[in-house]
Amino acid sequence: FEGAQGMMLDLDHGTYPFVTSSHPSPTSAAIDLGIPQGWISRTLGVVKAYTTRVGEGPFPTEYDNEVSQSIRERAHEYGATTGRPRRIGHLDLVMLKQALRVAGVTELAVTLFDILSGVEPLKICTHYRFQEKEIMTVPAHADDLKQVTPVYQTFSSWQEDLSTIRTYDALPEAAKAYLRFIETTLKRPIRFISVGPQREQLIEVSHD
């Protein structure tokens, strides 16, 4: 089964009221299709190498400058239906942790990884600061989410064009460090990395 929409747009578990009208999760797919949830043993979470959002709503890691505009143009980050420009932000692992937990994700596919070539500064949000406390979860209320301050870890960038790379070993060391941090923090293996829109630009990662 292939789902649409993002987990943070889930009617119950997303950033309500800035959500869609359904439940874009694997558990919802099982219910709607009459498949027992226990029959699903593998769930692939598809995540961009950075974070985007269309429309209104809280977006802690959003930034709007020449770099984000470059990402938007290079990755064609415009709404598929509305054509609205997507908002761009650094990768947010707090959001991702919630999405993976709710969706029961067992492994990851990181897409649009080639777009990060040359991006500086290159950051990943590891947790939030809210009311003078550090928190590792997404606040339940959208108004509280608007008030969080993201806390980042900065990574070395790379300049190489990744679009012609076909194996994990051939990736620049800085790119591997970025991916390893995601795996270690989320405790999920990355199985696929896309470095372009074509089928042959999907790198399968072996964890043998």
N, C-alpha and C. Protein backbone atom coordinates (compact mmCIF):
# COMPACT_ATOMS: atom_id res chain seq x y z
N PHE A 1 0.85 -1.19 0.00
CA PHE A 1 0.00 0.00 0.00
C PHE A 1 0.88 1.23 0.00
N GLU A 2 0.48 2.24 -0.74
CA GLU A 2 1.21 3.49 -0.78
C GLU A 2 0.30 4.62 -0.29
N GLY A 3 0.76 5.34 0.70
CA GLY A 3 -0.04 6.41 1.28
C GLY A 3 0.27 7.76 0.64
N ALA A 4 -0.64 8.71 0.83
CA ALA A 4 -0.43 10.07 0.37
C ALA A 4 -0.51 11.01 1.57
N GLN A 5 -0.10 12.26 1.36
CA GLN A 5 -0.09 13.27 2.41
C GLN A 5 0.99 12.93 3.45
N GLY A 6 1.22 13.87 4.34
CA GLY A 6 2.23 13.67 5.38
C GLY A 6 1.57 13.37 6.71
N MET A 7 2.30 12.68 7.60
CA MET A 7 1.74 12.27 8.88
C MET A 7 1.33 13.46 9.74
N MET A 8 2.05 14.59 9.62
CA MET A 8 1.69 15.74 10.45
C MET A 8 0.45 16.46 9.94
N LEU A 9 -0.14 15.94 8.85
CA LEU A 9 -1.42 16.44 8.37
C LEU A 9 -2.57 15.53 8.80
N ASP A 10 -2.26 14.53 9.61
CA ASP A 10 -3.28 13.60 10.10
C ASP A 10 -4.31 14.35 10.93
N LEU A 11 -5.56 14.04 10.74
CA LEU A 11 -6.66 14.74 11.41
C LEU A 11 -6.55 14.68 12.92
N ASP A 12 -6.12 13.54 13.46
CA ASP A 12 -6.01 13.37 14.91
C ASP A 12 -4.61 13.62 15.44
N HIS A 13 -3.59 13.22 14.68
CA HIS A 13 -2.22 13.22 15.21
C HIS A 13 -1.33 14.30 14.59
N GLY A 14 -1.90 15.14 13.75
CA GLY A 14 -1.11 16.18 13.11
C GLY A 14 -1.22 17.52 13.83
N THR A 15 -0.84 18.58 13.13
CA THR A 15 -0.81 19.92 13.72
C THR A 15 -2.19 20.58 13.57
N TYR A 16 -3.18 19.97 14.21
CA TYR A 16 -4.56 20.46 14.14
C TYR A 16 -4.62 21.91 14.63
N PRO A 17 -5.37 22.80 13.97
CA PRO A 17 -6.35 22.55 12.89
C PRO A 17 -5.76 22.65 11.48
N PHE A 18 -4.43 22.73 11.37
CA PHE A 18 -3.80 22.86 10.06
C PHE A 18 -3.51 21.47 9.50
N VAL A 19 -4.57 20.73 9.19
CA VAL A 19 -4.44 19.33 8.79
C VAL A 19 -5.34 19.04 7.59
N THR A 20 -5.26 17.82 7.10
CA THR A 20 -6.15 17.38 6.04
C THR A 20 -7.39 16.76 6.68
N SER A 21 -8.27 16.18 5.88
CA SER A 21 -9.54 15.68 6.39
C SER A 21 -9.55 14.17 6.60
N SER A 22 -8.37 13.56 6.61
CA SER A 22 -8.31 12.10 6.73
C SER A 22 -7.14 11.68 7.61
N HIS A 23 -6.85 10.38 7.58
CA HIS A 23 -5.78 9.82 8.40
C HIS A 23 -4.74 9.16 7.49
N PRO A 24 -3.72 9.90 7.05
CA PRO A 24 -2.72 9.33 6.13
C PRO A 24 -1.68 8.50 6.87
N SER A 25 -2.11 7.39 7.43
CA SER A 25 -1.20 6.53 8.19
C SER A 25 -1.38 5.07 7.79
N PRO A 26 -0.36 4.25 8.01
CA PRO A 26 -0.47 2.82 7.67
C PRO A 26 -1.60 2.12 8.43
N THR A 27 -1.81 2.51 9.69
CA THR A 27 -2.89 1.87 10.45
C THR A 27 -4.25 2.21 9.86
N SER A 28 -4.40 3.44 9.38
CA SER A 28 -5.66 3.82 8.74
C SER A 28 -5.86 3.05 7.45
N ALA A 29 -4.78 2.85 6.69
CA ALA A 29 -4.88 2.10 5.44
C ALA A 29 -5.36 0.67 5.70
N ALA A 30 -4.84 0.08 6.77
CA ALA A 30 -5.24 -1.29 7.10
C ALA A 30 -6.74 -1.36 7.41
N ILE A 31 -7.22 -0.40 8.18
CA ILE A 31 -8.64 -0.38 8.54
C ILE A 31 -9.51 -0.18 7.30
N ASP A 32 -9.13 0.80 6.48
CA ASP A 32 -9.94 1.13 5.30
C ASP A 32 -9.98 -0.01 4.29
N LEU A 33 -8.90 -0.79 4.22
CA LEU A 33 -8.81 -1.84 3.22
C LEU A 33 -9.19 -3.22 3.78
N GLY A 34 -9.53 -3.26 5.06
CA GLY A 34 -9.94 -4.53 5.65
C GLY A 34 -8.81 -5.50 5.87
N ILE A 35 -7.60 -4.96 6.10
CA ILE A 35 -6.43 -5.80 6.34
C ILE A 35 -6.08 -5.75 7.83
N PRO A 36 -5.96 -6.88 8.51
CA PRO A 36 -5.55 -6.84 9.92
C PRO A 36 -4.20 -6.16 10.09
N GLN A 37 -4.11 -5.26 11.06
CA GLN A 37 -2.86 -4.52 11.28
C GLN A 37 -1.70 -5.48 11.55
N GLY A 38 -1.97 -6.60 12.20
CA GLY A 38 -0.92 -7.57 12.52
C GLY A 38 -0.28 -8.20 11.29
N TRP A 39 -0.93 -8.08 10.15
CA TRP A 39 -0.38 -8.64 8.91
C TRP A 39 0.70 -7.74 8.32
N ILE A 40 0.77 -6.50 8.77
CA ILE A 40 1.76 -5.56 8.23
C ILE A 40 3.02 -5.62 9.10
N SER A 41 4.09 -6.15 8.55
CA SER A 41 5.32 -6.32 9.32
C SER A 41 6.42 -5.34 8.90
N ARG A 42 6.22 -4.64 7.80
CA ARG A 42 7.24 -3.74 7.30
C ARG A 42 6.57 -2.44 6.83
N THR A 43 6.98 -1.33 7.39
CA THR A 43 6.43 -0.03 7.02
C THR A 43 7.57 0.91 6.68
N LEU A 44 7.60 1.36 5.45
CA LEU A 44 8.66 2.24 4.96
C LEU A 44 8.21 3.69 5.09
N GLY A 45 8.93 4.45 5.88
CA GLY A 45 8.63 5.86 6.04
C GLY A 45 9.40 6.69 5.03
N VAL A 46 8.70 7.41 4.17
CA VAL A 46 9.34 8.22 3.14
C VAL A 46 9.46 9.65 3.67
N VAL A 47 10.69 10.14 3.76
CA VAL A 47 10.94 11.45 4.33
C VAL A 47 11.90 12.24 3.45
N LYS A 48 11.61 13.51 3.27
CA LYS A 48 12.55 14.36 2.54
C LYS A 48 13.79 14.60 3.39
N ALA A 49 14.88 14.98 2.73
CA ALA A 49 16.13 15.27 3.43
C ALA A 49 16.07 16.60 4.16
N TYR A 50 15.02 17.34 3.95
CA TYR A 50 14.73 18.60 4.64
C TYR A 50 13.23 18.60 4.90
N THR A 51 12.69 19.67 5.46
CA THR A 51 11.27 19.69 5.80
C THR A 51 10.53 20.72 4.95
N THR A 52 9.31 20.38 4.55
CA THR A 52 8.47 21.33 3.80
C THR A 52 7.06 21.33 4.36
N ARG A 53 6.35 22.39 4.03
CA ARG A 53 4.93 22.47 4.39
C ARG A 53 4.23 23.39 3.40
N VAL A 54 3.00 23.03 3.05
CA VAL A 54 2.17 23.88 2.19
C VAL A 54 1.10 24.54 3.06
N GLY A 55 0.89 25.81 2.86
CA GLY A 55 -0.18 26.48 3.58
C GLY A 55 0.21 26.95 4.96
N GLU A 56 -0.82 27.29 5.74
CA GLU A 56 -0.60 27.84 7.08
C GLU A 56 -0.27 26.75 8.08
N GLY A 57 0.07 27.19 9.28
CA GLY A 57 0.35 26.25 10.36
C GLY A 57 1.74 26.45 10.93
N PRO A 58 1.97 25.98 12.16
CA PRO A 58 3.27 26.14 12.81
C PRO A 58 4.35 25.34 12.09
N PHE A 59 5.54 25.92 11.97
CA PHE A 59 6.64 25.30 11.23
C PHE A 59 7.94 25.76 11.91
N PRO A 60 8.34 25.08 12.99
CA PRO A 60 9.46 25.56 13.81
C PRO A 60 10.77 25.76 13.07
N THR A 61 11.10 24.91 12.09
CA THR A 61 12.42 24.98 11.46
C THR A 61 12.41 25.76 10.15
N GLU A 62 11.32 26.45 9.86
CA GLU A 62 11.21 27.19 8.60
C GLU A 62 12.23 28.32 8.53
N TYR A 63 12.77 28.53 7.35
CA TYR A 63 13.58 29.72 7.09
C TYR A 63 13.29 30.19 5.67
N ASP A 64 13.38 31.49 5.48
CA ASP A 64 13.01 32.08 4.20
C ASP A 64 14.10 33.05 3.76
N ASN A 65 14.96 32.56 2.88
CA ASN A 65 16.05 33.39 2.37
C ASN A 65 16.46 32.87 0.99
N GLU A 66 17.61 33.28 0.52
CA GLU A 66 18.06 32.85 -0.80
C GLU A 66 18.28 31.34 -0.87
N VAL A 67 18.73 30.76 0.24
CA VAL A 67 18.98 29.31 0.26
C VAL A 67 17.67 28.54 0.13
N SER A 68 16.67 28.94 0.91
CA SER A 68 15.39 28.23 0.84
C SER A 68 14.74 28.42 -0.53
N GLN A 69 14.89 29.59 -1.11
CA GLN A 69 14.35 29.83 -2.44
C GLN A 69 15.05 28.96 -3.47
N SER A 70 16.36 28.78 -3.32
CA SER A 70 17.11 27.91 -4.23
C SER A 70 16.63 26.47 -4.12
N ILE A 71 16.41 26.00 -2.89
CA ILE A 71 15.91 24.65 -2.68
C ILE A 71 14.54 24.49 -3.34
N ARG A 72 13.69 25.50 -3.15
CA ARG A 72 12.34 25.44 -3.72
C ARG A 72 12.37 25.31 -5.24
N GLU A 73 13.25 26.06 -5.87
CA GLU A 73 13.31 26.03 -7.33
C GLU A 73 13.97 24.75 -7.83
N ARG A 74 15.05 24.33 -7.19
CA ARG A 74 15.76 23.13 -7.63
C ARG A 74 14.91 21.87 -7.47
N ALA A 75 14.13 21.83 -6.39
CA ALA A 75 13.33 20.64 -6.09
C ALA A 75 11.89 20.77 -6.56
N HIS A 76 11.55 21.89 -7.20
CA HIS A 76 10.19 22.13 -7.68
C HIS A 76 9.18 21.99 -6.54
N GLU A 77 9.47 22.66 -5.44
CA GLU A 77 8.64 22.57 -4.25
C GLU A 77 7.43 23.50 -4.34
N TYR A 78 6.45 23.01 -5.10
CA TYR A 78 5.18 23.71 -5.25
C TYR A 78 4.06 22.69 -5.09
N GLY A 79 2.98 23.09 -4.49
CA GLY A 79 1.87 22.17 -4.24
C GLY A 79 1.40 21.50 -5.52
N ALA A 80 1.24 20.17 -5.46
CA ALA A 80 0.85 19.41 -6.66
C ALA A 80 -0.53 19.80 -7.16
N THR A 81 -1.43 20.15 -6.26
CA THR A 81 -2.80 20.51 -6.64
C THR A 81 -2.98 22.01 -6.78
N THR A 82 -2.48 22.75 -5.79
CA THR A 82 -2.73 24.20 -5.77
C THR A 82 -1.66 25.00 -6.48
N GLY A 83 -0.45 24.44 -6.60
CA GLY A 83 0.65 25.19 -7.19
C GLY A 83 1.28 26.19 -6.24
N ARG A 84 0.82 26.21 -4.98
CA ARG A 84 1.37 27.14 -4.01
C ARG A 84 2.81 26.77 -3.67
N PRO A 85 3.68 27.76 -3.49
CA PRO A 85 5.06 27.44 -3.10
C PRO A 85 5.10 26.80 -1.72
N ARG A 86 5.82 25.71 -1.60
CA ARG A 86 5.97 25.06 -0.31
C ARG A 86 6.95 25.85 0.56
N ARG A 87 6.68 25.89 1.84
CA ARG A 87 7.58 26.50 2.79
C ARG A 87 8.73 25.53 3.07
N ILE A 88 9.92 26.05 3.28
CA ILE A 88 11.12 25.23 3.40
C ILE A 88 11.72 25.36 4.79
N GLY A 89 12.18 24.25 5.35
CA GLY A 89 12.81 24.29 6.66
C GLY A 89 13.88 23.22 6.80
N HIS A 90 14.69 23.37 7.84
CA HIS A 90 15.69 22.35 8.16
C HIS A 90 14.98 21.06 8.59
N LEU A 91 15.65 19.94 8.43
CA LEU A 91 15.08 18.66 8.84
C LEU A 91 14.74 18.69 10.33
N ASP A 92 13.52 18.28 10.68
CA ASP A 92 13.02 18.35 12.05
C ASP A 92 12.82 16.93 12.59
N LEU A 93 13.75 16.48 13.43
CA LEU A 93 13.66 15.13 13.95
C LEU A 93 12.62 14.99 15.06
N VAL A 94 12.22 16.08 15.68
CA VAL A 94 11.15 16.00 16.68
C VAL A 94 9.84 15.63 15.99
N MET A 95 9.55 16.32 14.90
CA MET A 95 8.36 15.99 14.10
C MET A 95 8.45 14.56 13.57
N LEU A 96 9.64 14.21 13.09
CA LEU A 96 9.81 12.88 12.51
C LEU A 96 9.59 11.77 13.53
N LYS A 97 10.09 11.97 14.74
CA LYS A 97 9.91 10.95 15.78
C LYS A 97 8.44 10.69 16.03
N GLN A 98 7.65 11.76 16.09
CA GLN A 98 6.21 11.57 16.31
C GLN A 98 5.58 10.85 15.13
N ALA A 99 5.95 11.26 13.92
CA ALA A 99 5.37 10.64 12.72
C ALA A 99 5.72 9.15 12.66
N LEU A 100 6.97 8.81 12.98
CA LEU A 100 7.39 7.41 12.92
C LEU A 100 6.70 6.57 13.98
N ARG A 101 6.50 7.15 15.15
CA ARG A 101 5.84 6.42 16.23
C ARG A 101 4.38 6.14 15.87
N VAL A 102 3.68 7.16 15.41
CA VAL A 102 2.26 6.99 15.08
C VAL A 102 2.09 6.03 13.90
N ALA A 103 3.00 6.13 12.93
CA ALA A 103 2.88 5.31 11.72
C ALA A 103 3.46 3.91 11.88
N GLY A 104 4.19 3.67 12.96
CA GLY A 104 4.81 2.35 13.13
C GLY A 104 5.87 2.06 12.10
N VAL A 105 6.63 3.08 11.72
CA VAL A 105 7.65 2.94 10.67
C VAL A 105 8.80 2.05 11.15
N THR A 106 9.22 1.13 10.29
CA THR A 106 10.32 0.22 10.62
C THR A 106 11.61 0.56 9.88
N GLU A 107 11.52 1.31 8.77
CA GLU A 107 12.70 1.68 8.00
C GLU A 107 12.39 2.93 7.19
N LEU A 108 13.45 3.57 6.69
CA LEU A 108 13.30 4.87 6.07
C LEU A 108 13.77 4.90 4.62
N ALA A 109 13.15 5.80 3.87
CA ALA A 109 13.62 6.17 2.54
C ALA A 109 13.81 7.69 2.56
N VAL A 110 15.02 8.16 2.33
CA VAL A 110 15.31 9.59 2.35
C VAL A 110 15.32 10.09 0.91
N THR A 111 14.43 11.02 0.60
CA THR A 111 14.29 11.51 -0.76
C THR A 111 14.87 12.91 -0.92
N LEU A 112 15.10 13.29 -2.18
CA LEU A 112 15.60 14.63 -2.52
C LEU A 112 16.93 14.93 -1.85
N PHE A 113 17.72 13.90 -1.63
CA PHE A 113 19.00 14.09 -0.94
C PHE A 113 19.98 14.89 -1.78
N ASP A 114 19.85 14.79 -3.08
CA ASP A 114 20.74 15.53 -3.97
C ASP A 114 20.56 17.04 -3.85
N ILE A 115 19.39 17.47 -3.40
CA ILE A 115 19.09 18.90 -3.30
C ILE A 115 19.95 19.58 -2.24
N LEU A 116 20.44 18.82 -1.26
CA LEU A 116 21.23 19.42 -0.18
C LEU A 116 22.66 19.75 -0.57
N SER A 117 23.11 19.32 -1.74
CA SER A 117 24.47 19.65 -2.18
C SER A 117 24.64 21.17 -2.24
N GLY A 118 25.65 21.67 -1.56
CA GLY A 118 25.94 23.10 -1.58
C GLY A 118 25.13 23.93 -0.61
N VAL A 119 24.22 23.30 0.15
CA VAL A 119 23.39 24.05 1.09
C VAL A 119 24.19 24.37 2.35
N GLU A 120 24.25 25.63 2.70
CA GLU A 120 24.91 26.09 3.92
C GLU A 120 24.10 27.21 4.55
N PRO A 121 23.90 27.20 5.87
CA PRO A 121 24.33 26.15 6.79
C PRO A 121 23.41 24.92 6.67
N LEU A 122 23.96 23.77 6.99
CA LEU A 122 23.23 22.51 6.92
C LEU A 122 22.94 22.08 8.36
N LYS A 123 21.66 22.08 8.73
CA LYS A 123 21.29 21.84 10.11
C LYS A 123 20.20 20.78 10.23
N ILE A 124 20.17 20.15 11.40
CA ILE A 124 19.10 19.23 11.76
C ILE A 124 18.60 19.62 13.15
N CYS A 125 17.29 19.76 13.29
CA CYS A 125 16.69 20.06 14.59
C CYS A 125 16.62 18.78 15.42
N THR A 126 17.21 18.81 16.61
CA THR A 126 17.25 17.63 17.47
C THR A 126 16.19 17.67 18.57
N HIS A 127 15.84 18.86 19.04
CA HIS A 127 14.80 19.02 20.05
C HIS A 127 14.34 20.48 20.07
N TYR A 128 13.33 20.75 20.91
CA TYR A 128 12.79 22.11 21.01
C TYR A 128 13.09 22.68 22.39
N ARG A 129 13.08 24.00 22.46
CA ARG A 129 13.10 24.70 23.74
C ARG A 129 11.75 25.40 23.89
N PHE A 130 11.06 25.07 24.99
CA PHE A 130 9.72 25.60 25.22
C PHE A 130 9.55 25.97 26.68
N GLN A 131 9.22 27.22 26.94
CA GLN A 131 9.04 27.72 28.31
C GLN A 131 10.23 27.36 29.19
N GLU A 132 11.42 27.65 28.66
CA GLU A 132 12.70 27.48 29.37
C GLU A 132 13.04 26.01 29.65
N LYS A 133 12.37 25.11 28.96
CA LYS A 133 12.68 23.68 29.10
C LYS A 133 12.99 23.10 27.73
N GLU A 134 13.83 22.07 27.71
CA GLU A 134 14.09 21.35 26.48
C GLU A 134 13.12 20.18 26.39
N ILE A 135 12.43 20.08 25.26
CA ILE A 135 11.45 19.00 25.07
C ILE A 135 11.80 18.21 23.82
N MET A 136 11.45 16.94 23.83
CA MET A 136 11.77 16.03 22.73
C MET A 136 10.53 15.59 21.97
N THR A 137 9.36 16.17 22.32
CA THR A 137 8.12 15.77 21.68
C THR A 137 7.40 17.00 21.13
N VAL A 138 6.49 16.76 20.22
CA VAL A 138 5.70 17.85 19.62
C VAL A 138 4.58 18.23 20.57
N PRO A 139 4.48 19.51 20.96
CA PRO A 139 3.38 19.92 21.83
C PRO A 139 2.03 19.58 21.21
N ALA A 140 1.07 19.24 22.06
CA ALA A 140 -0.24 18.81 21.57
C ALA A 140 -1.03 19.96 20.96
N HIS A 141 -0.78 21.18 21.40
CA HIS A 141 -1.56 22.33 20.93
C HIS A 141 -0.75 23.13 19.92
N ALA A 142 -1.39 23.49 18.82
CA ALA A 142 -0.70 24.22 17.75
C ALA A 142 -0.15 25.55 18.24
N ASP A 143 -0.87 26.21 19.16
CA ASP A 143 -0.38 27.49 19.68
C ASP A 143 0.93 27.32 20.44
N ASP A 144 1.07 26.20 21.15
CA ASP A 144 2.33 25.93 21.85
C ASP A 144 3.44 25.62 20.85
N LEU A 145 3.11 24.91 19.78
CA LEU A 145 4.11 24.58 18.77
C LEU A 145 4.65 25.84 18.11
N LYS A 146 3.82 26.86 17.99
CA LYS A 146 4.26 28.12 17.40
C LYS A 146 5.31 28.81 18.27
N GLN A 147 5.33 28.49 19.55
CA GLN A 147 6.21 29.18 20.48
C GLN A 147 7.53 28.47 20.74
N VAL A 148 7.70 27.26 20.21
CA VAL A 148 8.95 26.53 20.47
C VAL A 148 10.10 27.15 19.69
N THR A 149 11.30 26.98 20.24
CA THR A 149 12.52 27.38 19.55
C THR A 149 13.28 26.12 19.19
N PRO A 150 13.56 25.88 17.92
CA PRO A 150 14.28 24.66 17.55
C PRO A 150 15.75 24.73 17.99
N VAL A 151 16.26 23.61 18.43
CA VAL A 151 17.68 23.49 18.79
C VAL A 151 18.34 22.62 17.73
N TYR A 152 19.44 23.12 17.17
CA TYR A 152 20.02 22.48 15.99
C TYR A 152 21.39 21.87 16.27
N GLN A 153 21.70 20.88 15.44
CA GLN A 153 23.08 20.42 15.28
C GLN A 153 23.49 20.77 13.85
N THR A 154 24.65 21.38 13.71
CA THR A 154 25.12 21.82 12.40
C THR A 154 26.07 20.79 11.81
N PHE A 155 25.96 20.56 10.51
CA PHE A 155 26.76 19.55 9.81
C PHE A 155 27.60 20.20 8.72
N SER A 156 28.71 19.55 8.40
CA SER A 156 29.53 19.99 7.28
C SER A 156 28.76 19.75 6.00
N SER A 157 28.81 20.71 5.11
CA SER A 157 28.12 20.57 3.83
C SER A 157 29.04 19.90 2.81
N TRP A 158 28.48 19.58 1.69
CA TRP A 158 29.26 19.00 0.60
C TRP A 158 28.86 19.69 -0.70
N GLN A 159 29.77 19.74 -1.64
CA GLN A 159 29.54 20.45 -2.89
C GLN A 159 29.31 19.51 -4.08
N GLU A 160 29.62 18.24 -3.90
CA GLU A 160 29.54 17.29 -5.01
C GLU A 160 28.10 17.11 -5.52
N ASP A 161 27.99 16.91 -6.82
CA ASP A 161 26.71 16.58 -7.44
C ASP A 161 26.41 15.11 -7.16
N LEU A 162 25.32 14.84 -6.46
CA LEU A 162 25.00 13.45 -6.08
C LEU A 162 24.16 12.73 -7.13
N SER A 163 23.68 13.43 -8.13
CA SER A 163 22.69 12.86 -9.05
C SER A 163 23.21 11.68 -9.86
N THR A 164 24.52 11.56 -10.01
CA THR A 164 25.08 10.45 -10.80
C THR A 164 25.60 9.31 -9.91
N ILE A 165 25.51 9.47 -8.59
CA ILE A 165 25.99 8.44 -7.67
C ILE A 165 24.97 7.32 -7.57
N ARG A 166 25.45 6.09 -7.56
CA ARG A 166 24.54 4.94 -7.56
C ARG A 166 24.77 4.00 -6.38
N THR A 167 25.76 4.25 -5.53
CA THR A 167 25.99 3.40 -4.36
C THR A 167 26.21 4.26 -3.13
N TYR A 168 25.89 3.72 -1.98
CA TYR A 168 26.07 4.45 -0.72
C TYR A 168 27.54 4.76 -0.49
N ASP A 169 28.42 3.82 -0.79
CA ASP A 169 29.84 4.01 -0.54
C ASP A 169 30.42 5.18 -1.33
N ALA A 170 29.83 5.49 -2.47
CA ALA A 170 30.34 6.57 -3.32
C ALA A 170 29.92 7.96 -2.85
N LEU A 171 29.03 8.04 -1.87
CA LEU A 171 28.60 9.34 -1.36
C LEU A 171 29.74 10.05 -0.64
N PRO A 172 29.78 11.37 -0.65
CA PRO A 172 30.79 12.11 0.11
C PRO A 172 30.67 11.78 1.60
N GLU A 173 31.77 11.84 2.32
CA GLU A 173 31.76 11.51 3.74
C GLU A 173 30.82 12.41 4.52
N ALA A 174 30.77 13.69 4.16
CA ALA A 174 29.87 14.61 4.86
C ALA A 174 28.41 14.21 4.67
N ALA A 175 28.08 13.72 3.49
CA ALA A 175 26.71 13.26 3.22
C ALA A 175 26.39 12.02 4.04
N LYS A 176 27.35 11.11 4.15
CA LYS A 176 27.15 9.91 4.97
C LYS A 176 26.96 10.27 6.43
N ALA A 177 27.70 11.26 6.93
CA ALA A 177 27.57 11.68 8.32
C ALA A 177 26.16 12.21 8.61
N TYR A 178 25.61 12.94 7.65
CA TYR A 178 24.25 13.48 7.77
C TYR A 178 23.24 12.32 7.88
N LEU A 179 23.40 11.33 7.02
CA LEU A 179 22.50 10.17 7.02
C LEU A 179 22.67 9.33 8.27
N ARG A 180 23.90 9.12 8.71
CA ARG A 180 24.14 8.31 9.91
C ARG A 180 23.50 8.96 11.14
N PHE A 181 23.55 10.28 11.19
CA PHE A 181 22.93 10.97 12.33
C PHE A 181 21.43 10.74 12.36
N ILE A 182 20.81 10.75 11.21
CA ILE A 182 19.37 10.48 11.13
C ILE A 182 19.07 9.07 11.62
N GLU A 183 19.81 8.11 11.13
CA GLU A 183 19.61 6.71 11.53
C GLU A 183 19.79 6.52 13.03
N THR A 184 20.87 7.08 13.56
CA THR A 184 21.19 6.89 14.98
C THR A 184 20.15 7.54 15.87
N THR A 185 19.73 8.75 15.51
CA THR A 185 18.78 9.48 16.34
C THR A 185 17.39 8.86 16.28
N LEU A 186 16.95 8.48 15.11
CA LEU A 186 15.60 7.92 14.94
C LEU A 186 15.54 6.43 15.22
N LYS A 187 16.72 5.79 15.28
CA LYS A 187 16.78 4.35 15.52
C LYS A 187 16.01 3.56 14.48
N ARG A 188 16.14 4.00 13.23
CA ARG A 188 15.54 3.31 12.10
C ARG A 188 16.58 3.23 10.99
N PRO A 189 16.74 2.09 10.32
CA PRO A 189 17.69 2.00 9.22
C PRO A 189 17.19 2.72 7.98
N ILE A 190 18.10 3.37 7.27
CA ILE A 190 17.76 3.98 5.98
C ILE A 190 17.97 2.92 4.90
N ARG A 191 16.91 2.56 4.21
CA ARG A 191 16.98 1.51 3.18
C ARG A 191 17.16 2.07 1.78
N PHE A 192 16.65 3.29 1.56
CA PHE A 192 16.73 3.88 0.23
C PHE A 192 17.09 5.35 0.34
N ILE A 193 17.84 5.83 -0.65
CA ILE A 193 18.19 7.25 -0.75
C ILE A 193 17.96 7.65 -2.20
N SER A 194 17.16 8.69 -2.42
CA SER A 194 16.97 9.14 -3.80
C SER A 194 17.84 10.35 -4.06
N VAL A 195 18.49 10.35 -5.22
CA VAL A 195 19.36 11.46 -5.61
C VAL A 195 18.88 12.05 -6.95
N GLY A 196 17.60 11.89 -7.20
CA GLY A 196 17.00 12.39 -8.43
C GLY A 196 15.66 11.73 -8.65
N PRO A 197 14.88 12.19 -9.63
CA PRO A 197 13.53 11.69 -9.85
C PRO A 197 13.43 10.39 -10.64
N GLN A 198 14.51 9.95 -11.26
CA GLN A 198 14.46 8.75 -12.09
C GLN A 198 14.65 7.48 -11.25
N ARG A 199 14.12 6.38 -11.77
CA ARG A 199 14.21 5.11 -11.05
C ARG A 199 15.66 4.71 -10.76
N GLU A 200 16.53 4.95 -11.73
CA GLU A 200 17.93 4.56 -11.56
C GLU A 200 18.67 5.45 -10.56
N GLN A 201 18.02 6.52 -10.11
CA GLN A 201 18.63 7.42 -9.14
C GLN A 201 18.23 7.08 -7.70
N LEU A 202 17.68 5.90 -7.51
CA LEU A 202 17.34 5.41 -6.16
C LEU A 202 18.44 4.47 -5.69
N ILE A 203 19.11 4.85 -4.63
CA ILE A 203 20.19 4.05 -4.06
C ILE A 203 19.61 3.12 -3.00
N GLU A 204 19.83 1.83 -3.15
CA GLU A 204 19.41 0.87 -2.11
C GLU A 204 20.58 0.63 -1.18
N VAL A 205 20.32 0.75 0.10
CA VAL A 205 21.38 0.64 1.11
C VAL A 205 21.32 -0.73 1.76
N SER A 206 22.44 -1.42 1.76
CA SER A 206 22.53 -2.73 2.40
C SER A 206 22.99 -2.57 3.84
N HIS A 207 22.33 -3.30 4.73
CA HIS A 207 22.72 -3.25 6.15
C HIS A 207 23.21 -4.63 6.61
N ASP A 208 23.71 -5.42 5.70
CA ASP A 208 24.22 -6.74 6.03
C ASP A 208 25.50 -6.63 6.84
